[in-house]
Amino acid sequence: MNKVQLFFHHAFRFIWNAIFIICYPILASFGLIFIGLTFLFSKLSELLTRIKPEGTKVVFKETDWETMPHTNDLLEAKVCKQIMFGPSGFRLRRKDGVPSVLEDHVFGKKVRVLDEGYILERWNTLESKEMPDFDICLYDPDQDSLRQLTNIKCFDWHVSEKVENEISFKWFDGTQGGEVKVAL
């Protein structure tokens, strides 16, 4: 390095060090203020949660069997899989104690009652990333048989109409919808 370059090198290094020495306490102060404000808001939030009444807490009991609604006191359900912000999967069994084909599968909460039996939503997978993948099945409690009617890959489906031995299912997955007609 020649003398001019060496002079500028030392001058810029001095300026850089001076800026760093002057700014360091300011930067450190902002860091401490940020940590202090975070701590203050944390304690304030903790205080406010103590003041607010807790209300009722919802606890999913995975060991209790509960009677499923709309099944005429025939089926009991037990939570098997809970998908965050989504549906729950249930193990089903007959309430009268008769061994059933239902015990081998996981079902959704949707149950529709027909003269021929119960329309159930059988889950094909328990993996959240592969959901939804359902078989809509007809369960005949007299014969204890489970017959697949159709496969639907969305959470939003319903029975639209039943005409003699034909049933129609409508579904909508958020972007598209459709209708499936199945012979009973």
N, C-alpha and C. Protein backbone atom coordinates (compact mmCIF):
# COMPACT_ATOMS: atom_id res chain seq x y z
N MET A 1 0.84 -1.17 0.00
CA MET A 1 0.00 0.00 0.00
C MET A 1 0.88 1.24 0.00
N ASN A 2 0.46 2.19 -0.81
CA ASN A 2 1.22 3.44 -0.77
C ASN A 2 0.69 4.31 0.36
N LYS A 3 1.31 5.47 0.56
CA LYS A 3 0.99 6.30 1.71
C LYS A 3 -0.44 6.86 1.63
N VAL A 4 -0.94 7.18 0.45
CA VAL A 4 -2.29 7.72 0.31
C VAL A 4 -3.32 6.65 0.68
N GLN A 5 -3.11 5.45 0.16
CA GLN A 5 -4.02 4.35 0.47
C GLN A 5 -3.98 4.02 1.95
N LEU A 6 -2.79 4.02 2.53
CA LEU A 6 -2.64 3.73 3.95
C LEU A 6 -3.34 4.79 4.79
N PHE A 7 -3.24 6.08 4.38
CA PHE A 7 -3.92 7.14 5.10
C PHE A 7 -5.44 6.93 5.07
N PHE A 8 -5.98 6.69 3.87
CA PHE A 8 -7.43 6.47 3.77
C PHE A 8 -7.87 5.22 4.52
N HIS A 9 -7.06 4.18 4.49
CA HIS A 9 -7.38 2.96 5.23
C HIS A 9 -7.50 3.26 6.72
N HIS A 10 -6.53 3.96 7.30
CA HIS A 10 -6.57 4.30 8.72
C HIS A 10 -7.71 5.28 9.03
N ALA A 11 -7.94 6.22 8.13
CA ALA A 11 -9.01 7.21 8.36
C ALA A 11 -10.38 6.52 8.37
N PHE A 12 -10.65 5.67 7.39
CA PHE A 12 -11.94 4.98 7.35
C PHE A 12 -12.09 3.99 8.51
N ARG A 13 -11.01 3.33 8.88
CA ARG A 13 -11.06 2.43 10.03
C ARG A 13 -11.37 3.21 11.30
N PHE A 14 -10.77 4.40 11.46
CA PHE A 14 -11.05 5.24 12.63
C PHE A 14 -12.51 5.69 12.64
N ILE A 15 -13.00 6.12 11.47
CA ILE A 15 -14.41 6.56 11.38
C ILE A 15 -15.34 5.38 11.69
N TRP A 16 -15.05 4.22 11.11
CA TRP A 16 -15.88 3.03 11.37
C TRP A 16 -15.89 2.68 12.86
N ASN A 17 -14.75 2.65 13.49
CA ASN A 17 -14.67 2.34 14.92
C ASN A 17 -15.39 3.40 15.75
N ALA A 18 -15.28 4.66 15.36
CA ALA A 18 -15.97 5.73 16.09
C ALA A 18 -17.49 5.56 15.98
N ILE A 19 -17.97 5.27 14.78
CA ILE A 19 -19.42 5.05 14.60
C ILE A 19 -19.87 3.86 15.43
N PHE A 20 -19.10 2.78 15.42
CA PHE A 20 -19.48 1.59 16.19
C PHE A 20 -19.50 1.90 17.69
N ILE A 21 -18.48 2.61 18.19
CA ILE A 21 -18.41 2.93 19.62
C ILE A 21 -19.55 3.86 20.02
N ILE A 22 -19.91 4.80 19.18
CA ILE A 22 -21.01 5.71 19.48
C ILE A 22 -22.37 4.99 19.41
N CYS A 23 -22.55 4.13 18.42
CA CYS A 23 -23.86 3.48 18.19
C CYS A 23 -24.08 2.25 19.08
N TYR A 24 -23.03 1.65 19.56
CA TYR A 24 -23.20 0.41 20.33
C TYR A 24 -24.10 0.58 21.54
N PRO A 25 -23.92 1.60 22.37
CA PRO A 25 -24.82 1.76 23.53
C PRO A 25 -26.28 1.97 23.10
N ILE A 26 -26.48 2.67 22.00
CA ILE A 26 -27.85 2.88 21.51
C ILE A 26 -28.47 1.55 21.08
N LEU A 27 -27.73 0.75 20.32
CA LEU A 27 -28.23 -0.56 19.88
C LEU A 27 -28.47 -1.48 21.07
N ALA A 28 -27.57 -1.48 22.01
CA ALA A 28 -27.74 -2.32 23.20
C ALA A 28 -28.94 -1.86 24.01
N SER A 29 -29.16 -0.54 24.08
CA SER A 29 -30.33 -0.02 24.80
C SER A 29 -31.63 -0.48 24.16
N PHE A 30 -31.70 -0.43 22.82
CA PHE A 30 -32.90 -0.91 22.13
C PHE A 30 -33.13 -2.39 22.40
N GLY A 31 -32.07 -3.16 22.44
CA GLY A 31 -32.21 -4.58 22.75
C GLY A 31 -32.76 -4.80 24.14
N LEU A 32 -32.23 -4.08 25.11
CA LEU A 32 -32.71 -4.20 26.49
C LEU A 32 -34.14 -3.70 26.63
N ILE A 33 -34.48 -2.62 25.94
CA ILE A 33 -35.86 -2.11 25.97
C ILE A 33 -36.80 -3.14 25.37
N PHE A 34 -36.41 -3.77 24.25
CA PHE A 34 -37.25 -4.80 23.63
C PHE A 34 -37.48 -5.98 24.57
N ILE A 35 -36.41 -6.45 25.21
CA ILE A 35 -36.54 -7.56 26.15
C ILE A 35 -37.42 -7.15 27.33
N GLY A 36 -37.24 -5.92 27.82
CA GLY A 36 -38.05 -5.43 28.94
C GLY A 36 -39.52 -5.32 28.57
N LEU A 37 -39.84 -4.80 27.39
CA LEU A 37 -41.24 -4.70 26.96
C LEU A 37 -41.86 -6.09 26.78
N THR A 38 -41.11 -7.00 26.23
CA THR A 38 -41.62 -8.37 26.08
C THR A 38 -41.94 -8.97 27.44
N PHE A 39 -41.06 -8.81 28.39
CA PHE A 39 -41.28 -9.31 29.74
C PHE A 39 -42.49 -8.63 30.38
N LEU A 40 -42.62 -7.31 30.20
CA LEU A 40 -43.74 -6.56 30.77
C LEU A 40 -45.08 -7.05 30.20
N PHE A 41 -45.16 -7.21 28.89
CA PHE A 41 -46.40 -7.69 28.28
C PHE A 41 -46.71 -9.13 28.67
N SER A 42 -45.69 -9.94 28.86
CA SER A 42 -45.90 -11.31 29.31
C SER A 42 -46.52 -11.33 30.70
N LYS A 43 -45.98 -10.52 31.61
CA LYS A 43 -46.53 -10.45 32.97
C LYS A 43 -47.94 -9.86 32.97
N LEU A 44 -48.19 -8.86 32.12
CA LEU A 44 -49.52 -8.27 32.01
C LEU A 44 -50.53 -9.30 31.49
N SER A 45 -50.14 -10.07 30.51
CA SER A 45 -51.02 -11.12 29.98
C SER A 45 -51.30 -12.18 31.04
N GLU A 46 -50.27 -12.56 31.80
CA GLU A 46 -50.45 -13.53 32.87
C GLU A 46 -51.41 -13.01 33.93
N LEU A 47 -51.32 -11.72 34.27
CA LEU A 47 -52.21 -11.11 35.24
C LEU A 47 -53.66 -11.08 34.73
N LEU A 48 -53.84 -10.74 33.46
CA LEU A 48 -55.19 -10.68 32.89
C LEU A 48 -55.84 -12.06 32.80
N THR A 49 -55.07 -13.10 32.57
CA THR A 49 -55.66 -14.45 32.52
C THR A 49 -56.07 -14.92 33.90
N ARG A 50 -55.44 -14.42 34.94
CA ARG A 50 -55.87 -14.76 36.31
C ARG A 50 -57.18 -14.08 36.66
N ILE A 51 -57.37 -12.87 36.15
CA ILE A 51 -58.58 -12.10 36.46
C ILE A 51 -59.79 -12.68 35.73
N LYS A 52 -59.63 -13.06 34.47
CA LYS A 52 -60.73 -13.57 33.66
C LYS A 52 -61.19 -14.92 34.17
N PRO A 53 -62.53 -15.14 34.29
CA PRO A 53 -63.00 -16.47 34.70
C PRO A 53 -62.70 -17.50 33.62
N GLU A 54 -62.40 -18.70 34.06
CA GLU A 54 -61.99 -19.73 33.11
C GLU A 54 -63.13 -20.28 32.28
N GLY A 55 -64.33 -20.37 32.81
CA GLY A 55 -65.44 -20.94 32.07
C GLY A 55 -65.33 -22.46 32.05
N THR A 56 -65.97 -23.06 31.07
CA THR A 56 -65.94 -24.51 30.99
C THR A 56 -64.84 -24.94 30.03
N LYS A 57 -64.11 -25.94 30.43
CA LYS A 57 -63.06 -26.47 29.58
C LYS A 57 -63.59 -27.71 28.87
N VAL A 58 -63.24 -27.82 27.60
CA VAL A 58 -63.65 -28.98 26.82
C VAL A 58 -62.49 -29.97 26.82
N VAL A 59 -62.74 -31.16 27.31
CA VAL A 59 -61.71 -32.19 27.38
C VAL A 59 -62.21 -33.40 26.62
N PHE A 60 -61.43 -33.83 25.63
CA PHE A 60 -61.78 -35.03 24.90
C PHE A 60 -61.30 -36.24 25.70
N LYS A 61 -62.23 -37.07 26.06
CA LYS A 61 -61.89 -38.26 26.81
C LYS A 61 -61.74 -39.40 25.81
N GLU A 62 -60.53 -39.84 25.63
CA GLU A 62 -60.28 -40.87 24.63
C GLU A 62 -60.56 -42.27 25.16
N THR A 63 -60.92 -42.39 26.42
CA THR A 63 -61.15 -43.72 26.96
C THR A 63 -62.63 -44.00 27.17
N ASP A 64 -63.49 -42.99 27.03
CA ASP A 64 -64.91 -43.17 27.29
C ASP A 64 -65.68 -43.45 26.00
N TRP A 65 -66.58 -44.41 26.09
CA TRP A 65 -67.50 -44.69 24.99
C TRP A 65 -68.75 -43.88 25.23
N GLU A 66 -69.21 -43.19 24.20
CA GLU A 66 -70.41 -42.38 24.30
C GLU A 66 -71.40 -42.80 23.21
N THR A 67 -72.68 -42.72 23.52
CA THR A 67 -73.71 -43.07 22.56
C THR A 67 -73.72 -42.06 21.42
N MET A 68 -73.70 -42.57 20.19
CA MET A 68 -73.74 -41.69 19.03
C MET A 68 -75.16 -41.19 18.81
N PRO A 69 -75.31 -39.91 18.52
CA PRO A 69 -76.64 -39.39 18.22
C PRO A 69 -77.16 -39.94 16.89
N HIS A 70 -78.45 -40.00 16.76
CA HIS A 70 -79.15 -40.43 15.55
C HIS A 70 -78.96 -41.91 15.23
N THR A 71 -78.61 -42.72 16.21
CA THR A 71 -78.44 -44.15 15.95
C THR A 71 -79.43 -44.99 16.75
N ASN A 72 -80.45 -44.38 17.32
CA ASN A 72 -81.47 -45.09 18.10
C ASN A 72 -80.87 -45.93 19.22
N ASP A 73 -79.85 -45.37 19.88
CA ASP A 73 -79.17 -46.04 20.99
C ASP A 73 -78.57 -47.40 20.60
N LEU A 74 -78.13 -47.52 19.34
CA LEU A 74 -77.53 -48.78 18.89
C LEU A 74 -76.01 -48.72 18.88
N LEU A 75 -75.42 -47.56 18.53
CA LEU A 75 -73.97 -47.46 18.36
C LEU A 75 -73.35 -46.56 19.41
N GLU A 76 -72.15 -46.97 19.84
CA GLU A 76 -71.33 -46.17 20.74
C GLU A 76 -70.06 -45.77 20.00
N ALA A 77 -69.54 -44.60 20.32
CA ALA A 77 -68.34 -44.09 19.66
C ALA A 77 -67.29 -43.70 20.70
N LYS A 78 -66.04 -43.86 20.29
CA LYS A 78 -64.90 -43.48 21.12
C LYS A 78 -63.92 -42.73 20.22
N VAL A 79 -63.48 -41.55 20.66
CA VAL A 79 -62.57 -40.73 19.86
C VAL A 79 -61.27 -41.50 19.64
N CYS A 80 -60.88 -41.60 18.38
CA CYS A 80 -59.66 -42.32 18.01
C CYS A 80 -58.59 -41.38 17.48
N LYS A 81 -59.02 -40.40 16.68
CA LYS A 81 -58.09 -39.47 16.04
C LYS A 81 -58.74 -38.10 15.99
N GLN A 82 -58.05 -37.08 16.49
CA GLN A 82 -58.54 -35.71 16.46
C GLN A 82 -57.65 -34.91 15.52
N ILE A 83 -58.21 -34.40 14.42
CA ILE A 83 -57.46 -33.58 13.48
C ILE A 83 -57.65 -32.13 13.88
N MET A 84 -56.55 -31.41 14.04
CA MET A 84 -56.63 -30.02 14.46
C MET A 84 -57.42 -29.21 13.45
N PHE A 85 -58.40 -28.47 13.91
CA PHE A 85 -59.29 -27.66 13.10
C PHE A 85 -60.04 -28.50 12.07
N GLY A 86 -60.26 -29.73 12.37
CA GLY A 86 -60.97 -30.61 11.45
C GLY A 86 -61.82 -31.61 12.20
N PRO A 87 -62.21 -32.66 11.50
CA PRO A 87 -63.10 -33.64 12.12
C PRO A 87 -62.37 -34.58 13.07
N SER A 88 -63.17 -35.35 13.78
CA SER A 88 -62.64 -36.38 14.67
C SER A 88 -62.96 -37.74 14.07
N GLY A 89 -62.05 -38.68 14.28
CA GLY A 89 -62.28 -40.05 13.87
C GLY A 89 -62.70 -40.88 15.07
N PHE A 90 -63.63 -41.79 14.87
CA PHE A 90 -64.18 -42.55 15.98
C PHE A 90 -64.09 -44.05 15.70
N ARG A 91 -63.88 -44.80 16.75
CA ARG A 91 -64.09 -46.24 16.72
C ARG A 91 -65.55 -46.46 17.10
N LEU A 92 -66.23 -47.34 16.42
CA LEU A 92 -67.63 -47.63 16.70
C LEU A 92 -67.79 -49.06 17.19
N ARG A 93 -68.80 -49.24 18.02
CA ARG A 93 -69.19 -50.58 18.44
C ARG A 93 -70.69 -50.56 18.73
N ARG A 94 -71.25 -51.74 18.73
CA ARG A 94 -72.67 -51.84 19.03
C ARG A 94 -72.87 -51.75 20.53
N LYS A 95 -73.92 -51.06 20.93
CA LYS A 95 -74.17 -50.87 22.35
C LYS A 95 -74.71 -52.13 23.00
N ASP A 96 -75.31 -53.01 22.20
CA ASP A 96 -75.87 -54.23 22.76
C ASP A 96 -74.82 -55.32 22.99
N GLY A 97 -73.55 -55.04 22.69
CA GLY A 97 -72.47 -55.97 22.99
C GLY A 97 -72.21 -57.01 21.92
N VAL A 98 -72.95 -57.00 20.83
CA VAL A 98 -72.75 -57.96 19.74
C VAL A 98 -71.49 -57.57 18.98
N PRO A 99 -70.56 -58.52 18.77
CA PRO A 99 -69.36 -58.20 17.97
C PRO A 99 -69.79 -57.76 16.57
N SER A 100 -69.09 -56.77 16.03
CA SER A 100 -69.53 -56.17 14.78
C SER A 100 -68.36 -55.91 13.85
N VAL A 101 -68.68 -55.78 12.55
CA VAL A 101 -67.66 -55.42 11.56
C VAL A 101 -67.22 -53.97 11.74
N LEU A 102 -67.96 -53.19 12.48
CA LEU A 102 -67.63 -51.79 12.70
C LEU A 102 -66.36 -51.61 13.52
N GLU A 103 -66.04 -52.57 14.34
CA GLU A 103 -64.91 -52.45 15.25
C GLU A 103 -63.56 -52.43 14.55
N ASP A 104 -63.53 -52.82 13.28
CA ASP A 104 -62.27 -52.89 12.53
C ASP A 104 -61.91 -51.59 11.82
N HIS A 105 -62.78 -50.59 11.85
CA HIS A 105 -62.59 -49.39 11.05
C HIS A 105 -62.71 -48.14 11.90
N VAL A 106 -62.30 -47.01 11.31
CA VAL A 106 -62.46 -45.69 11.92
C VAL A 106 -63.49 -44.93 11.09
N PHE A 107 -64.42 -44.27 11.78
CA PHE A 107 -65.51 -43.58 11.12
C PHE A 107 -65.54 -42.13 11.51
N GLY A 108 -66.18 -41.32 10.67
CA GLY A 108 -66.42 -39.92 10.98
C GLY A 108 -67.68 -39.80 11.81
N LYS A 109 -68.01 -38.57 12.18
CA LYS A 109 -69.13 -38.32 13.06
C LYS A 109 -70.47 -38.33 12.32
N LYS A 110 -70.46 -38.18 11.00
CA LYS A 110 -71.70 -38.09 10.24
C LYS A 110 -72.39 -39.44 10.19
N VAL A 111 -73.65 -39.46 10.63
CA VAL A 111 -74.47 -40.66 10.58
C VAL A 111 -75.83 -40.25 10.01
N ARG A 112 -76.28 -40.93 8.98
CA ARG A 112 -77.60 -40.68 8.42
C ARG A 112 -78.40 -41.97 8.51
N VAL A 113 -79.64 -41.85 8.97
CA VAL A 113 -80.48 -43.02 9.19
C VAL A 113 -81.41 -43.20 7.98
N LEU A 114 -81.42 -44.39 7.44
CA LEU A 114 -82.33 -44.76 6.36
C LEU A 114 -83.11 -45.99 6.79
N ASP A 115 -84.11 -46.36 6.01
CA ASP A 115 -84.85 -47.59 6.30
C ASP A 115 -83.95 -48.81 6.14
N GLU A 116 -83.00 -48.73 5.23
CA GLU A 116 -82.10 -49.87 4.95
C GLU A 116 -80.98 -49.99 5.97
N GLY A 117 -80.73 -48.96 6.75
CA GLY A 117 -79.65 -49.00 7.74
C GLY A 117 -79.09 -47.61 7.97
N TYR A 118 -77.80 -47.54 8.31
CA TYR A 118 -77.14 -46.28 8.62
C TYR A 118 -76.10 -45.96 7.56
N ILE A 119 -76.09 -44.70 7.12
CA ILE A 119 -75.04 -44.22 6.22
C ILE A 119 -73.91 -43.72 7.11
N LEU A 120 -72.71 -44.29 6.94
CA LEU A 120 -71.55 -43.95 7.75
C LEU A 120 -70.40 -43.50 6.86
N GLU A 121 -69.52 -42.69 7.43
CA GLU A 121 -68.35 -42.17 6.74
C GLU A 121 -67.13 -42.94 7.25
N ARG A 122 -66.68 -43.92 6.48
CA ARG A 122 -65.52 -44.73 6.90
C ARG A 122 -64.25 -44.08 6.38
N TRP A 123 -63.30 -43.85 7.28
CA TRP A 123 -62.03 -43.24 6.91
C TRP A 123 -61.11 -44.30 6.34
N ASN A 124 -60.46 -43.98 5.23
CA ASN A 124 -59.49 -44.90 4.64
C ASN A 124 -58.08 -44.68 5.17
N THR A 125 -57.84 -43.54 5.81
CA THR A 125 -56.51 -43.24 6.34
C THR A 125 -56.65 -42.40 7.60
N LEU A 126 -55.64 -42.46 8.45
CA LEU A 126 -55.59 -41.61 9.64
C LEU A 126 -54.51 -40.54 9.50
N GLU A 127 -53.80 -40.51 8.37
CA GLU A 127 -52.77 -39.51 8.14
C GLU A 127 -53.42 -38.19 7.74
N SER A 128 -53.13 -37.13 8.46
CA SER A 128 -53.75 -35.82 8.22
C SER A 128 -53.45 -35.30 6.82
N LYS A 129 -52.24 -35.54 6.32
CA LYS A 129 -51.87 -35.00 5.01
C LYS A 129 -52.55 -35.75 3.86
N GLU A 130 -53.06 -36.94 4.10
CA GLU A 130 -53.75 -37.71 3.07
C GLU A 130 -55.27 -37.55 3.14
N MET A 131 -55.75 -36.76 4.11
CA MET A 131 -57.18 -36.56 4.28
C MET A 131 -57.67 -35.51 3.30
N PRO A 132 -58.89 -35.45 2.94
CA PRO A 132 -59.95 -36.40 3.24
C PRO A 132 -59.97 -37.54 2.23
N ASP A 133 -60.25 -38.71 2.70
CA ASP A 133 -60.40 -39.89 1.86
C ASP A 133 -61.39 -40.80 2.57
N PHE A 134 -62.66 -40.73 2.17
CA PHE A 134 -63.72 -41.45 2.87
C PHE A 134 -64.45 -42.39 1.94
N ASP A 135 -64.88 -43.50 2.49
CA ASP A 135 -65.85 -44.36 1.83
C ASP A 135 -67.18 -44.12 2.51
N ILE A 136 -68.20 -43.82 1.73
CA ILE A 136 -69.54 -43.70 2.28
C ILE A 136 -70.12 -45.10 2.23
N CYS A 137 -70.49 -45.61 3.41
CA CYS A 137 -70.91 -47.01 3.53
C CYS A 137 -72.32 -47.10 4.10
N LEU A 138 -72.95 -48.20 3.81
CA LEU A 138 -74.27 -48.51 4.37
C LEU A 138 -74.09 -49.64 5.37
N TYR A 139 -74.45 -49.39 6.62
CA TYR A 139 -74.36 -50.41 7.66
C TYR A 139 -75.76 -50.95 7.92
N ASP A 140 -75.90 -52.24 7.73
CA ASP A 140 -77.17 -52.91 8.02
C ASP A 140 -77.03 -53.59 9.38
N PRO A 141 -77.69 -53.07 10.43
CA PRO A 141 -77.51 -53.65 11.77
C PRO A 141 -78.12 -55.04 11.91
N ASP A 142 -79.13 -55.38 11.12
CA ASP A 142 -79.74 -56.71 11.21
C ASP A 142 -78.79 -57.79 10.70
N GLN A 143 -78.11 -57.51 9.60
CA GLN A 143 -77.16 -58.47 9.01
C GLN A 143 -75.73 -58.24 9.51
N ASP A 144 -75.49 -57.14 10.22
CA ASP A 144 -74.17 -56.71 10.64
C ASP A 144 -73.21 -56.69 9.44
N SER A 145 -73.65 -56.00 8.38
CA SER A 145 -72.83 -55.90 7.17
C SER A 145 -72.55 -54.44 6.86
N LEU A 146 -71.40 -54.21 6.32
CA LEU A 146 -70.96 -52.87 5.95
C LEU A 146 -70.64 -52.90 4.47
N ARG A 147 -71.41 -52.14 3.67
CA ARG A 147 -71.24 -52.15 2.22
C ARG A 147 -70.83 -50.77 1.74
N GLN A 148 -69.74 -50.71 0.97
CA GLN A 148 -69.26 -49.44 0.43
C GLN A 148 -70.19 -48.99 -0.68
N LEU A 149 -70.63 -47.72 -0.59
CA LEU A 149 -71.48 -47.16 -1.63
C LEU A 149 -70.67 -46.33 -2.62
N THR A 150 -69.83 -45.45 -2.11
CA THR A 150 -69.01 -44.60 -2.97
C THR A 150 -67.83 -44.07 -2.18
N ASN A 151 -66.87 -43.47 -2.89
CA ASN A 151 -65.71 -42.85 -2.27
C ASN A 151 -65.80 -41.35 -2.51
N ILE A 152 -65.66 -40.55 -1.44
CA ILE A 152 -65.72 -39.10 -1.54
C ILE A 152 -64.47 -38.53 -0.90
N LYS A 153 -63.84 -37.59 -1.60
CA LYS A 153 -62.59 -37.00 -1.10
C LYS A 153 -62.80 -35.56 -0.66
N CYS A 154 -63.80 -35.33 0.21
CA CYS A 154 -63.99 -34.01 0.80
C CYS A 154 -64.78 -34.17 2.10
N PHE A 155 -64.63 -33.17 2.98
CA PHE A 155 -65.29 -33.21 4.28
C PHE A 155 -66.76 -32.84 4.19
N ASP A 156 -67.13 -32.05 3.19
CA ASP A 156 -68.48 -31.51 3.10
C ASP A 156 -69.31 -32.34 2.13
N TRP A 157 -70.08 -33.26 2.65
CA TRP A 157 -70.99 -34.05 1.82
C TRP A 157 -72.30 -34.23 2.58
N HIS A 158 -73.35 -34.52 1.84
CA HIS A 158 -74.63 -34.79 2.47
C HIS A 158 -75.50 -35.61 1.51
N VAL A 159 -76.50 -36.24 2.10
CA VAL A 159 -77.47 -37.00 1.31
C VAL A 159 -78.45 -35.98 0.75
N SER A 160 -78.53 -35.91 -0.58
CA SER A 160 -79.42 -34.91 -1.17
C SER A 160 -80.83 -35.45 -1.37
N GLU A 161 -80.94 -36.68 -1.86
CA GLU A 161 -82.27 -37.25 -2.02
C GLU A 161 -82.19 -38.77 -2.10
N LYS A 162 -83.32 -39.40 -1.77
CA LYS A 162 -83.43 -40.85 -1.85
C LYS A 162 -84.70 -41.16 -2.62
N VAL A 163 -84.55 -41.82 -3.74
CA VAL A 163 -85.68 -42.20 -4.57
C VAL A 163 -85.64 -43.71 -4.74
N GLU A 164 -86.66 -44.38 -4.19
CA GLU A 164 -86.78 -45.84 -4.22
C GLU A 164 -85.46 -46.50 -3.80
N ASN A 165 -84.76 -47.15 -4.71
CA ASN A 165 -83.50 -47.85 -4.37
C ASN A 165 -82.28 -47.08 -4.85
N GLU A 166 -82.39 -45.76 -4.93
CA GLU A 166 -81.27 -44.95 -5.37
C GLU A 166 -81.11 -43.77 -4.41
N ILE A 167 -79.87 -43.51 -4.06
CA ILE A 167 -79.57 -42.42 -3.15
C ILE A 167 -78.55 -41.50 -3.80
N SER A 168 -78.72 -40.19 -3.59
CA SER A 168 -77.81 -39.19 -4.18
C SER A 168 -77.03 -38.49 -3.08
N PHE A 169 -75.73 -38.36 -3.30
CA PHE A 169 -74.85 -37.64 -2.39
C PHE A 169 -74.33 -36.41 -3.11
N LYS A 170 -74.38 -35.26 -2.45
CA LYS A 170 -73.77 -34.05 -3.00
C LYS A 170 -72.56 -33.72 -2.14
N TRP A 171 -71.51 -33.23 -2.79
CA TRP A 171 -70.29 -32.88 -2.08
C TRP A 171 -69.73 -31.57 -2.64
N PHE A 172 -68.95 -30.89 -1.79
CA PHE A 172 -68.30 -29.64 -2.20
C PHE A 172 -66.98 -29.55 -1.44
N ASP A 173 -65.87 -29.40 -2.16
CA ASP A 173 -64.56 -29.38 -1.51
C ASP A 173 -63.94 -27.99 -1.38
N GLY A 174 -64.74 -26.95 -1.61
CA GLY A 174 -64.24 -25.59 -1.48
C GLY A 174 -64.03 -24.92 -2.83
N THR A 175 -63.69 -25.70 -3.85
CA THR A 175 -63.51 -25.12 -5.19
C THR A 175 -64.46 -25.73 -6.20
N GLN A 176 -64.79 -26.99 -6.03
CA GLN A 176 -65.69 -27.65 -6.95
C GLN A 176 -66.61 -28.58 -6.18
N GLY A 177 -67.69 -28.94 -6.81
CA GLY A 177 -68.67 -29.81 -6.18
C GLY A 177 -69.14 -30.86 -7.17
N GLY A 178 -69.98 -31.72 -6.69
CA GLY A 178 -70.49 -32.76 -7.56
C GLY A 178 -71.60 -33.53 -6.89
N GLU A 179 -72.15 -34.45 -7.65
CA GLU A 179 -73.23 -35.29 -7.15
C GLU A 179 -72.95 -36.71 -7.59
N VAL A 180 -73.17 -37.65 -6.69
CA VAL A 180 -72.96 -39.06 -6.97
C VAL A 180 -74.26 -39.78 -6.68
N LYS A 181 -74.75 -40.59 -7.65
CA LYS A 181 -75.95 -41.39 -7.44
C LYS A 181 -75.52 -42.85 -7.29
N VAL A 182 -76.08 -43.49 -6.28
CA VAL A 182 -75.68 -44.86 -5.96
C VAL A 182 -76.95 -45.69 -5.77
N ALA A 183 -76.90 -46.91 -6.31
CA ALA A 183 -78.04 -47.83 -6.12
C ALA A 183 -77.88 -48.55 -4.78
N LEU A 184 -78.97 -48.60 -4.04
CA LEU A 184 -78.96 -49.31 -2.76
C LEU A 184 -79.25 -50.76 -3.02
